[in-house]
């Protein structure tokens, strides 16, 4: 699907019945949550990877012990 096709499709949504618009919004939010990471999560992932490469962080055994696993 091309970006222009998506834009044209999204432009039609305001003409849909209100309930269909609400369902479309909910569906798009679920898709975004599943496929798109936000800036905060991206920072956390980079920080975690950096800690792992340096050998920093909490040992797995300690985490398990802390949470009773």
N, C-alpha and C. Protein backbone atom coordinates (compact mmCIF):
# COMPACT_ATOMS: atom_id res chain seq x y z
N UNK A 1 0.85 -1.18 0.00
CA UNK A 1 0.00 0.00 0.00
C UNK A 1 0.89 1.24 0.00
N UNK A 2 0.58 2.16 -0.83
CA UNK A 2 1.34 3.42 -0.92
C UNK A 2 0.85 4.41 0.13
N UNK A 3 1.72 5.32 0.51
CA UNK A 3 1.37 6.33 1.49
C UNK A 3 0.16 7.16 1.03
N UNK A 4 0.12 7.51 -0.25
CA UNK A 4 -1.01 8.29 -0.76
C UNK A 4 -2.31 7.51 -0.66
N UNK A 5 -2.25 6.20 -0.91
CA UNK A 5 -3.46 5.37 -0.78
C UNK A 5 -3.96 5.41 0.66
N UNK A 6 -3.03 5.31 1.61
CA UNK A 6 -3.39 5.34 3.02
C UNK A 6 -4.00 6.69 3.39
N UNK A 7 -3.39 7.77 2.92
CA UNK A 7 -3.92 9.11 3.22
C UNK A 7 -5.33 9.28 2.67
N UNK A 8 -5.56 8.82 1.44
CA UNK A 8 -6.90 8.93 0.84
C UNK A 8 -7.92 8.13 1.64
N UNK A 9 -7.51 6.95 2.08
CA UNK A 9 -8.40 6.12 2.89
C UNK A 9 -8.73 6.82 4.20
N UNK A 10 -7.73 7.34 4.87
CA UNK A 10 -7.95 8.00 6.15
C UNK A 10 -8.82 9.25 6.01
N UNK A 11 -8.74 9.91 4.88
CA UNK A 11 -9.57 11.09 4.65
C UNK A 11 -11.06 10.75 4.60
N UNK A 12 -11.38 9.50 4.25
CA UNK A 12 -12.79 9.08 4.17
C UNK A 12 -13.39 8.74 5.53
N UNK A 13 -12.57 8.48 6.50
CA UNK A 13 -13.07 8.02 7.81
C UNK A 13 -14.07 9.00 8.43
N UNK A 14 -13.86 10.32 8.35
CA UNK A 14 -14.86 11.22 8.94
C UNK A 14 -16.26 11.10 8.33
N UNK A 15 -16.38 10.47 7.17
CA UNK A 15 -17.70 10.29 6.55
C UNK A 15 -18.41 9.03 7.05
N UNK A 16 -17.68 8.20 7.78
CA UNK A 16 -18.24 6.96 8.30
C UNK A 16 -19.17 7.24 9.48
N UNK A 17 -20.05 6.29 9.79
CA UNK A 17 -20.87 6.43 11.01
C UNK A 17 -19.96 6.51 12.25
N UNK A 18 -20.44 7.16 13.27
CA UNK A 18 -19.64 7.40 14.48
C UNK A 18 -19.09 6.09 15.07
N UNK A 19 -19.89 5.06 15.14
CA UNK A 19 -19.44 3.79 15.72
C UNK A 19 -18.30 3.19 14.89
N UNK A 20 -18.39 3.31 13.57
CA UNK A 20 -17.33 2.80 12.71
C UNK A 20 -16.04 3.61 12.93
N UNK A 21 -16.17 4.91 13.13
CA UNK A 21 -15.00 5.76 13.40
C UNK A 21 -14.33 5.34 14.70
N UNK A 22 -15.15 5.07 15.72
CA UNK A 22 -14.60 4.66 17.01
C UNK A 22 -13.89 3.31 16.90
N UNK A 23 -14.46 2.39 16.15
CA UNK A 23 -13.82 1.09 15.95
C UNK A 23 -12.50 1.24 15.19
N UNK A 24 -12.51 2.11 14.19
CA UNK A 24 -11.28 2.35 13.41
C UNK A 24 -10.20 2.91 14.32
N UNK A 25 -10.55 3.85 15.17
CA UNK A 25 -9.58 4.44 16.09
C UNK A 25 -9.01 3.39 17.04
N UNK A 26 -9.88 2.57 17.62
CA UNK A 26 -9.42 1.52 18.52
C UNK A 26 -8.49 0.54 17.81
N UNK A 27 -8.86 0.17 16.59
CA UNK A 27 -8.03 -0.76 15.82
C UNK A 27 -6.67 -0.16 15.52
N UNK A 28 -6.65 1.10 15.13
CA UNK A 28 -5.38 1.76 14.82
C UNK A 28 -4.52 1.90 16.07
N UNK A 29 -5.13 2.14 17.22
CA UNK A 29 -4.36 2.24 18.46
C UNK A 29 -3.72 0.90 18.82
N UNK A 30 -4.45 -0.19 18.62
CA UNK A 30 -3.90 -1.52 18.89
C UNK A 30 -2.72 -1.80 17.95
N UNK A 31 -2.90 -1.46 16.67
CA UNK A 31 -1.82 -1.67 15.70
C UNK A 31 -0.59 -0.86 16.08
N UNK A 32 -0.80 0.39 16.46
CA UNK A 32 0.33 1.24 16.85
C UNK A 32 1.03 0.69 18.08
N UNK A 33 0.26 0.26 19.06
CA UNK A 33 0.85 -0.31 20.28
C UNK A 33 1.69 -1.54 19.97
N UNK A 34 1.25 -2.33 19.00
CA UNK A 34 1.93 -3.58 18.68
C UNK A 34 3.16 -3.37 17.79
N UNK A 35 3.07 -2.46 16.82
CA UNK A 35 4.11 -2.34 15.81
C UNK A 35 5.05 -1.15 15.98
N UNK A 36 4.67 -0.15 16.77
CA UNK A 36 5.47 1.07 16.85
C UNK A 36 5.92 1.29 18.29
N UNK A 37 7.24 1.41 18.48
CA UNK A 37 7.71 1.69 19.83
C UNK A 37 7.79 3.19 20.02
N UNK A 38 7.50 3.65 21.22
CA UNK A 38 7.57 5.07 21.48
C UNK A 38 9.00 5.46 21.87
N UNK A 39 9.25 6.74 21.95
CA UNK A 39 10.59 7.25 22.21
C UNK A 39 11.12 6.75 23.56
N UNK A 40 10.27 6.68 24.57
CA UNK A 40 10.70 6.23 25.89
C UNK A 40 11.16 4.78 25.87
N UNK A 41 10.39 3.93 25.21
CA UNK A 41 10.77 2.52 25.11
C UNK A 41 12.05 2.37 24.30
N UNK A 42 12.17 3.15 23.23
CA UNK A 42 13.40 3.08 22.41
C UNK A 42 14.62 3.44 23.25
N UNK A 43 14.50 4.49 24.09
CA UNK A 43 15.62 4.88 24.97
C UNK A 43 15.94 3.76 25.96
N UNK A 44 14.90 3.15 26.53
CA UNK A 44 15.11 2.07 27.49
C UNK A 44 15.82 0.88 26.84
N UNK A 45 15.42 0.55 25.62
CA UNK A 45 16.04 -0.56 24.92
C UNK A 45 17.51 -0.30 24.61
N UNK A 46 17.82 0.93 24.18
CA UNK A 46 19.22 1.29 23.90
C UNK A 46 20.03 1.25 25.19
N UNK A 47 19.47 1.78 26.27
CA UNK A 47 20.17 1.78 27.56
C UNK A 47 20.41 0.35 28.04
N UNK A 48 19.41 -0.50 27.91
CA UNK A 48 19.56 -1.89 28.34
C UNK A 48 20.62 -2.60 27.52
N UNK A 49 20.62 -2.38 26.22
CA UNK A 49 21.63 -3.02 25.37
C UNK A 49 23.04 -2.54 25.74
N UNK A 50 23.17 -1.25 26.01
CA UNK A 50 24.47 -0.70 26.41
C UNK A 50 24.93 -1.33 27.72
N UNK A 51 24.03 -1.46 28.69
CA UNK A 51 24.38 -2.08 29.97
C UNK A 51 24.82 -3.53 29.78
N UNK A 52 24.11 -4.25 28.91
CA UNK A 52 24.44 -5.65 28.67
C UNK A 52 25.83 -5.76 28.07
N UNK A 53 26.13 -4.92 27.09
CA UNK A 53 27.45 -4.97 26.44
C UNK A 53 28.57 -4.63 27.40
N UNK A 54 28.30 -3.75 28.36
CA UNK A 54 29.32 -3.38 29.35
C UNK A 54 29.40 -4.40 30.48
N UNK A 55 28.42 -5.26 30.57
CA UNK A 55 28.37 -6.22 31.67
C UNK A 55 27.76 -5.64 32.91
N UNK A 56 27.09 -4.50 32.77
CA UNK A 56 26.41 -3.86 33.91
C UNK A 56 25.04 -4.50 34.11
N UNK A 57 24.36 -4.02 35.10
CA UNK A 57 23.00 -4.48 35.35
C UNK A 57 22.95 -5.48 36.49
N UNK A 58 21.78 -6.01 36.71
CA UNK A 58 21.54 -6.95 37.80
C UNK A 58 21.61 -8.37 37.26
N UNK A 59 22.36 -9.24 37.92
CA UNK A 59 22.43 -10.64 37.46
C UNK A 59 21.05 -11.29 37.48
N UNK A 60 20.82 -12.17 36.55
CA UNK A 60 19.54 -12.85 36.40
C UNK A 60 19.13 -13.55 37.69
N UNK A 61 20.07 -14.19 38.36
CA UNK A 61 19.75 -14.90 39.59
C UNK A 61 19.19 -13.96 40.65
N UNK A 62 19.77 -12.77 40.74
CA UNK A 62 19.30 -11.79 41.72
C UNK A 62 17.89 -11.32 41.40
N UNK A 63 17.61 -11.13 40.12
CA UNK A 63 16.26 -10.72 39.72
C UNK A 63 15.26 -11.81 40.09
N UNK A 64 15.61 -13.07 39.78
CA UNK A 64 14.72 -14.17 40.12
C UNK A 64 14.48 -14.24 41.62
N UNK A 65 15.56 -14.08 42.39
CA UNK A 65 15.44 -14.14 43.84
C UNK A 65 14.56 -13.01 44.36
N UNK A 66 14.76 -11.83 43.82
CA UNK A 66 14.00 -10.65 44.24
C UNK A 66 12.52 -10.83 44.02
N UNK A 67 12.15 -11.48 42.90
CA UNK A 67 10.74 -11.62 42.55
C UNK A 67 10.19 -13.00 42.84
N UNK A 68 10.97 -13.82 43.55
CA UNK A 68 10.48 -15.12 43.98
C UNK A 68 10.24 -16.10 42.86
N UNK A 69 11.06 -16.02 41.85
CA UNK A 69 10.90 -16.93 40.71
C UNK A 69 11.81 -18.12 40.88
